[in-house]
Amino acid sequence: MVSGSPNRSNAVPLDGATVSGTVYVFTRQPENPTRVRFFGDTTDLSGSPWHSESIAPYDFAGGSVDSANGYPSWGFYGGGAHKISAVFDLPNGETRVATASFSVSG
């Protein structure tokens, strides 16, 4: 999900979106994960994540319950096509992966 506001209001799916300016990227949690690891622009989901969160809500750039930290869209290595993957570590030891592909304008 992506929002133009730190309170995550009016969020839309990140997958297929075109973003610009400061964005607030977060994910909805399936099955109460113990941790969510975020990876940007990589297919190697075994290395060090860009960011990791263990307490909901799960924000790409961190934050608090009331406010997500913004991330400048140009931080995604400039304009063009990019992706973010969220790896959900579940209490039973399983993992789930959600990947969103999006574009950065400018």
N, C-alpha and C. Protein backbone atom coordinates (compact mmCIF):
# COMPACT_ATOMS: atom_id res chain seq x y z
N MET A 1 0.84 -1.16 0.00
CA MET A 1 0.00 0.00 0.00
C MET A 1 0.89 1.23 0.00
N VAL A 2 0.39 2.30 -0.57
CA VAL A 2 1.12 3.57 -0.59
C VAL A 2 0.14 4.70 -0.32
N SER A 3 0.60 5.66 0.46
CA SER A 3 -0.20 6.82 0.80
C SER A 3 0.64 8.07 0.60
N GLY A 4 -0.02 9.18 0.39
CA GLY A 4 0.67 10.46 0.32
C GLY A 4 0.68 11.16 1.67
N SER A 5 0.19 10.46 2.70
CA SER A 5 0.06 11.05 4.02
C SER A 5 0.69 10.16 5.09
N PRO A 6 1.35 10.74 6.09
CA PRO A 6 1.97 9.93 7.13
C PRO A 6 0.97 9.14 7.97
N ASN A 7 -0.31 9.52 7.97
CA ASN A 7 -1.28 8.75 8.74
C ASN A 7 -1.86 7.59 7.93
N ARG A 8 -1.30 7.35 6.75
CA ARG A 8 -1.64 6.23 5.88
C ARG A 8 -3.05 6.33 5.30
N SER A 9 -3.64 7.52 5.31
CA SER A 9 -5.00 7.69 4.80
C SER A 9 -5.00 7.66 3.27
N ASN A 10 -6.16 7.34 2.72
CA ASN A 10 -6.36 7.30 1.27
C ASN A 10 -5.31 6.44 0.57
N ALA A 11 -4.94 5.35 1.19
CA ALA A 11 -3.93 4.45 0.61
C ALA A 11 -4.49 3.70 -0.59
N VAL A 12 -3.61 3.43 -1.52
CA VAL A 12 -3.94 2.65 -2.71
C VAL A 12 -2.89 1.55 -2.84
N PRO A 13 -3.21 0.51 -3.59
CA PRO A 13 -2.19 -0.53 -3.80
C PRO A 13 -0.95 0.05 -4.47
N LEU A 14 0.21 -0.32 -3.96
CA LEU A 14 1.48 0.12 -4.56
C LEU A 14 1.70 -0.57 -5.89
N ASP A 15 1.30 -1.83 -6.01
CA ASP A 15 1.53 -2.59 -7.23
C ASP A 15 0.83 -1.91 -8.40
N GLY A 16 1.60 -1.53 -9.40
CA GLY A 16 1.08 -0.87 -10.59
C GLY A 16 0.98 0.64 -10.49
N ALA A 17 1.28 1.21 -9.32
CA ALA A 17 1.17 2.66 -9.12
C ALA A 17 2.36 3.40 -9.70
N THR A 18 2.16 4.68 -9.96
CA THR A 18 3.24 5.60 -10.29
C THR A 18 3.30 6.60 -9.15
N VAL A 19 4.49 6.74 -8.54
CA VAL A 19 4.63 7.61 -7.37
C VAL A 19 5.62 8.73 -7.66
N SER A 20 5.50 9.80 -6.88
CA SER A 20 6.45 10.90 -6.94
C SER A 20 6.40 11.62 -5.59
N GLY A 21 7.42 12.41 -5.32
CA GLY A 21 7.48 13.11 -4.05
C GLY A 21 7.73 12.16 -2.90
N THR A 22 7.32 12.55 -1.71
CA THR A 22 7.49 11.70 -0.53
C THR A 22 6.32 10.74 -0.45
N VAL A 23 6.62 9.46 -0.26
CA VAL A 23 5.58 8.43 -0.19
C VAL A 23 5.68 7.70 1.15
N TYR A 24 4.56 7.12 1.55
CA TYR A 24 4.46 6.36 2.79
C TYR A 24 4.02 4.96 2.41
N VAL A 25 4.98 4.05 2.38
CA VAL A 25 4.76 2.68 1.93
C VAL A 25 4.61 1.78 3.15
N PHE A 26 3.58 0.97 3.14
CA PHE A 26 3.33 0.07 4.25
C PHE A 26 2.61 -1.16 3.73
N THR A 27 2.45 -2.15 4.58
CA THR A 27 1.76 -3.36 4.16
C THR A 27 0.72 -3.75 5.19
N ARG A 28 -0.28 -4.42 4.73
CA ARG A 28 -1.28 -5.01 5.61
C ARG A 28 -0.71 -6.36 6.06
N GLN A 29 -0.92 -6.72 7.30
CA GLN A 29 -0.30 -7.92 7.82
C GLN A 29 -1.21 -9.14 7.69
N PRO A 30 -0.70 -10.21 7.07
CA PRO A 30 -1.46 -11.45 7.06
C PRO A 30 -1.07 -12.29 8.27
N GLU A 31 -2.01 -12.88 8.92
CA GLU A 31 -1.75 -13.90 9.95
C GLU A 31 -0.82 -13.46 11.08
N ASN A 32 -0.84 -12.18 11.46
CA ASN A 32 -0.05 -11.69 12.59
C ASN A 32 1.41 -12.13 12.55
N PRO A 33 2.18 -11.63 11.62
CA PRO A 33 3.59 -12.04 11.50
C PRO A 33 4.41 -11.63 12.72
N THR A 34 5.49 -12.36 12.94
CA THR A 34 6.41 -11.99 14.02
C THR A 34 7.38 -10.91 13.55
N ARG A 35 7.54 -10.82 12.22
CA ARG A 35 8.44 -9.83 11.64
C ARG A 35 8.10 -9.67 10.17
N VAL A 36 8.31 -8.46 9.67
CA VAL A 36 8.19 -8.20 8.23
C VAL A 36 9.50 -7.58 7.79
N ARG A 37 10.12 -8.18 6.77
CA ARG A 37 11.38 -7.69 6.22
C ARG A 37 11.10 -7.11 4.83
N PHE A 38 11.57 -5.88 4.62
CA PHE A 38 11.35 -5.19 3.35
C PHE A 38 12.64 -5.19 2.52
N PHE A 39 12.50 -5.52 1.26
CA PHE A 39 13.61 -5.53 0.31
C PHE A 39 13.24 -4.65 -0.88
N GLY A 40 14.15 -3.83 -1.34
CA GLY A 40 13.90 -2.97 -2.49
C GLY A 40 14.76 -3.34 -3.67
N ASP A 41 14.13 -3.48 -4.83
CA ASP A 41 14.83 -3.71 -6.09
C ASP A 41 15.81 -4.87 -6.06
N THR A 42 15.39 -5.99 -5.50
CA THR A 42 16.24 -7.17 -5.50
C THR A 42 15.39 -8.43 -5.57
N THR A 43 15.96 -9.49 -6.13
CA THR A 43 15.29 -10.79 -6.12
C THR A 43 15.88 -11.68 -5.03
N ASP A 44 17.00 -11.24 -4.42
CA ASP A 44 17.63 -11.99 -3.33
C ASP A 44 17.00 -11.59 -2.01
N LEU A 45 16.08 -12.41 -1.55
CA LEU A 45 15.36 -12.11 -0.31
C LEU A 45 16.00 -12.79 0.90
N SER A 46 17.21 -13.25 0.74
CA SER A 46 17.89 -13.92 1.85
C SER A 46 18.95 -13.02 2.49
N GLY A 47 19.30 -11.93 1.84
CA GLY A 47 20.32 -11.03 2.37
C GLY A 47 19.75 -10.08 3.40
N SER A 48 20.47 -9.02 3.65
CA SER A 48 20.02 -8.01 4.61
C SER A 48 18.86 -7.21 4.03
N PRO A 49 17.78 -7.08 4.77
CA PRO A 49 16.65 -6.30 4.27
C PRO A 49 16.94 -4.81 4.33
N TRP A 50 16.18 -4.05 3.54
CA TRP A 50 16.26 -2.59 3.58
C TRP A 50 15.82 -2.12 4.96
N HIS A 51 14.75 -2.74 5.46
CA HIS A 51 14.20 -2.38 6.76
C HIS A 51 13.43 -3.58 7.30
N SER A 52 13.35 -3.69 8.61
CA SER A 52 12.63 -4.79 9.26
C SER A 52 11.77 -4.22 10.38
N GLU A 53 10.56 -4.74 10.52
CA GLU A 53 9.65 -4.29 11.57
C GLU A 53 9.06 -5.51 12.28
N SER A 54 8.94 -5.43 13.60
CA SER A 54 8.37 -6.52 14.38
C SER A 54 7.06 -6.14 15.06
N ILE A 55 6.65 -4.90 14.92
CA ILE A 55 5.42 -4.43 15.53
C ILE A 55 4.59 -3.71 14.47
N ALA A 56 3.31 -4.05 14.41
CA ALA A 56 2.40 -3.40 13.45
C ALA A 56 2.19 -1.95 13.85
N PRO A 57 1.92 -1.09 12.90
CA PRO A 57 1.85 -1.34 11.46
C PRO A 57 3.25 -1.48 10.86
N TYR A 58 3.31 -2.15 9.73
CA TYR A 58 4.59 -2.48 9.11
C TYR A 58 4.88 -1.51 7.98
N ASP A 59 5.79 -0.56 8.25
CA ASP A 59 6.12 0.50 7.31
C ASP A 59 7.49 0.28 6.68
N PHE A 60 7.58 0.55 5.38
CA PHE A 60 8.83 0.39 4.65
C PHE A 60 9.96 1.24 5.24
N ALA A 61 9.64 2.44 5.71
CA ALA A 61 10.66 3.34 6.26
C ALA A 61 10.51 3.52 7.78
N GLY A 62 9.77 2.63 8.43
CA GLY A 62 9.57 2.74 9.87
C GLY A 62 8.50 3.76 10.21
N GLY A 63 8.25 3.93 11.50
CA GLY A 63 7.25 4.88 11.95
C GLY A 63 6.66 4.43 13.26
N SER A 64 5.49 4.96 13.56
CA SER A 64 4.78 4.62 14.78
C SER A 64 3.37 4.18 14.42
N VAL A 65 2.58 3.84 15.41
CA VAL A 65 1.20 3.44 15.16
C VAL A 65 0.44 4.55 14.44
N ASP A 66 0.69 5.80 14.82
CA ASP A 66 -0.05 6.92 14.26
C ASP A 66 0.55 7.57 13.03
N SER A 67 1.84 7.33 12.78
CA SER A 67 2.50 8.06 11.71
C SER A 67 3.64 7.26 11.07
N ALA A 68 3.54 7.07 9.77
CA ALA A 68 4.61 6.40 9.03
C ALA A 68 5.70 7.41 8.70
N ASN A 69 6.92 6.94 8.62
CA ASN A 69 8.01 7.79 8.13
C ASN A 69 7.92 7.85 6.61
N GLY A 70 8.09 9.02 6.07
CA GLY A 70 8.06 9.18 4.63
C GLY A 70 9.36 8.73 4.00
N TYR A 71 9.27 8.40 2.73
CA TYR A 71 10.44 8.01 1.96
C TYR A 71 10.39 8.77 0.66
N PRO A 72 11.44 9.53 0.34
CA PRO A 72 11.42 10.27 -0.93
C PRO A 72 11.45 9.30 -2.10
N SER A 73 10.52 9.43 -3.01
CA SER A 73 10.43 8.48 -4.13
C SER A 73 11.72 8.45 -4.94
N TRP A 74 12.47 9.56 -4.98
CA TRP A 74 13.73 9.56 -5.71
C TRP A 74 14.76 8.69 -5.01
N GLY A 75 14.48 8.28 -3.79
CA GLY A 75 15.38 7.37 -3.09
C GLY A 75 15.40 5.99 -3.71
N PHE A 76 14.43 5.72 -4.57
CA PHE A 76 14.39 4.44 -5.27
C PHE A 76 15.28 4.47 -6.51
N TYR A 77 16.46 5.03 -6.36
CA TYR A 77 17.45 5.04 -7.44
C TYR A 77 16.99 5.78 -8.68
N GLY A 78 16.16 6.76 -8.52
CA GLY A 78 15.73 7.58 -9.65
C GLY A 78 14.44 7.08 -10.27
N GLY A 79 14.07 7.72 -11.37
CA GLY A 79 12.83 7.39 -12.04
C GLY A 79 12.87 6.01 -12.68
N GLY A 80 11.70 5.53 -13.04
CA GLY A 80 11.60 4.25 -13.74
C GLY A 80 10.92 3.19 -12.92
N ALA A 81 11.11 1.95 -13.34
CA ALA A 81 10.44 0.80 -12.73
C ALA A 81 11.23 0.30 -11.52
N HIS A 82 10.49 -0.03 -10.46
CA HIS A 82 11.08 -0.54 -9.22
C HIS A 82 10.15 -1.54 -8.58
N LYS A 83 10.65 -2.20 -7.53
CA LYS A 83 9.77 -3.11 -6.79
C LYS A 83 10.21 -3.17 -5.33
N ILE A 84 9.25 -3.48 -4.49
CA ILE A 84 9.48 -3.71 -3.07
C ILE A 84 8.88 -5.07 -2.75
N SER A 85 9.63 -5.87 -2.03
CA SER A 85 9.12 -7.15 -1.54
C SER A 85 9.04 -7.10 -0.03
N ALA A 86 7.96 -7.62 0.51
CA ALA A 86 7.78 -7.75 1.95
C ALA A 86 7.77 -9.24 2.27
N VAL A 87 8.66 -9.67 3.14
CA VAL A 87 8.72 -11.07 3.57
C VAL A 87 8.11 -11.13 4.96
N PHE A 88 7.03 -11.86 5.10
CA PHE A 88 6.32 -12.00 6.37
C PHE A 88 6.79 -13.28 7.05
N ASP A 89 7.44 -13.16 8.20
CA ASP A 89 7.83 -14.32 9.00
C ASP A 89 6.67 -14.63 9.94
N LEU A 90 6.09 -15.81 9.79
CA LEU A 90 4.91 -16.17 10.56
C LEU A 90 5.27 -16.96 11.82
N PRO A 91 4.40 -16.95 12.83
CA PRO A 91 4.69 -17.63 14.09
C PRO A 91 4.97 -19.13 13.94
N ASN A 92 4.40 -19.76 12.92
CA ASN A 92 4.60 -21.20 12.73
C ASN A 92 5.89 -21.53 11.97
N GLY A 93 6.73 -20.51 11.69
CA GLY A 93 7.99 -20.75 10.99
C GLY A 93 7.91 -20.57 9.49
N GLU A 94 6.72 -20.46 8.95
CA GLU A 94 6.56 -20.26 7.50
C GLU A 94 6.78 -18.80 7.15
N THR A 95 6.99 -18.56 5.87
CA THR A 95 7.11 -17.19 5.38
C THR A 95 6.13 -17.00 4.22
N ARG A 96 5.71 -15.78 4.05
CA ARG A 96 4.89 -15.37 2.91
C ARG A 96 5.59 -14.17 2.29
N VAL A 97 5.51 -14.04 0.99
CA VAL A 97 6.16 -12.93 0.28
C VAL A 97 5.11 -12.19 -0.55
N ALA A 98 5.14 -10.87 -0.44
CA ALA A 98 4.30 -10.01 -1.29
C ALA A 98 5.22 -9.03 -1.98
N THR A 99 5.07 -8.93 -3.30
CA THR A 99 5.93 -8.02 -4.08
C THR A 99 5.04 -7.05 -4.84
N ALA A 100 5.44 -5.78 -4.82
CA ALA A 100 4.72 -4.74 -5.55
C ALA A 100 5.70 -4.11 -6.55
N SER A 101 5.29 -4.05 -7.80
CA SER A 101 6.05 -3.38 -8.84
C SER A 101 5.40 -2.04 -9.11
N PHE A 102 6.21 -0.98 -9.21
CA PHE A 102 5.67 0.36 -9.37
C PHE A 102 6.67 1.21 -10.14
N SER A 103 6.25 2.41 -10.51
CA SER A 103 7.12 3.33 -11.23
C SER A 103 7.28 4.61 -10.45
N VAL A 104 8.46 5.21 -10.59
CA VAL A 104 8.74 6.51 -10.00
C VAL A 104 8.83 7.50 -11.14
N SER A 105 8.00 8.53 -11.08
CA SER A 105 8.06 9.54 -12.14
C SER A 105 9.10 10.58 -11.79
N GLY A 106 9.72 11.12 -12.82
CA GLY A 106 10.72 12.16 -12.61
C GLY A 106 12.02 11.58 -12.48
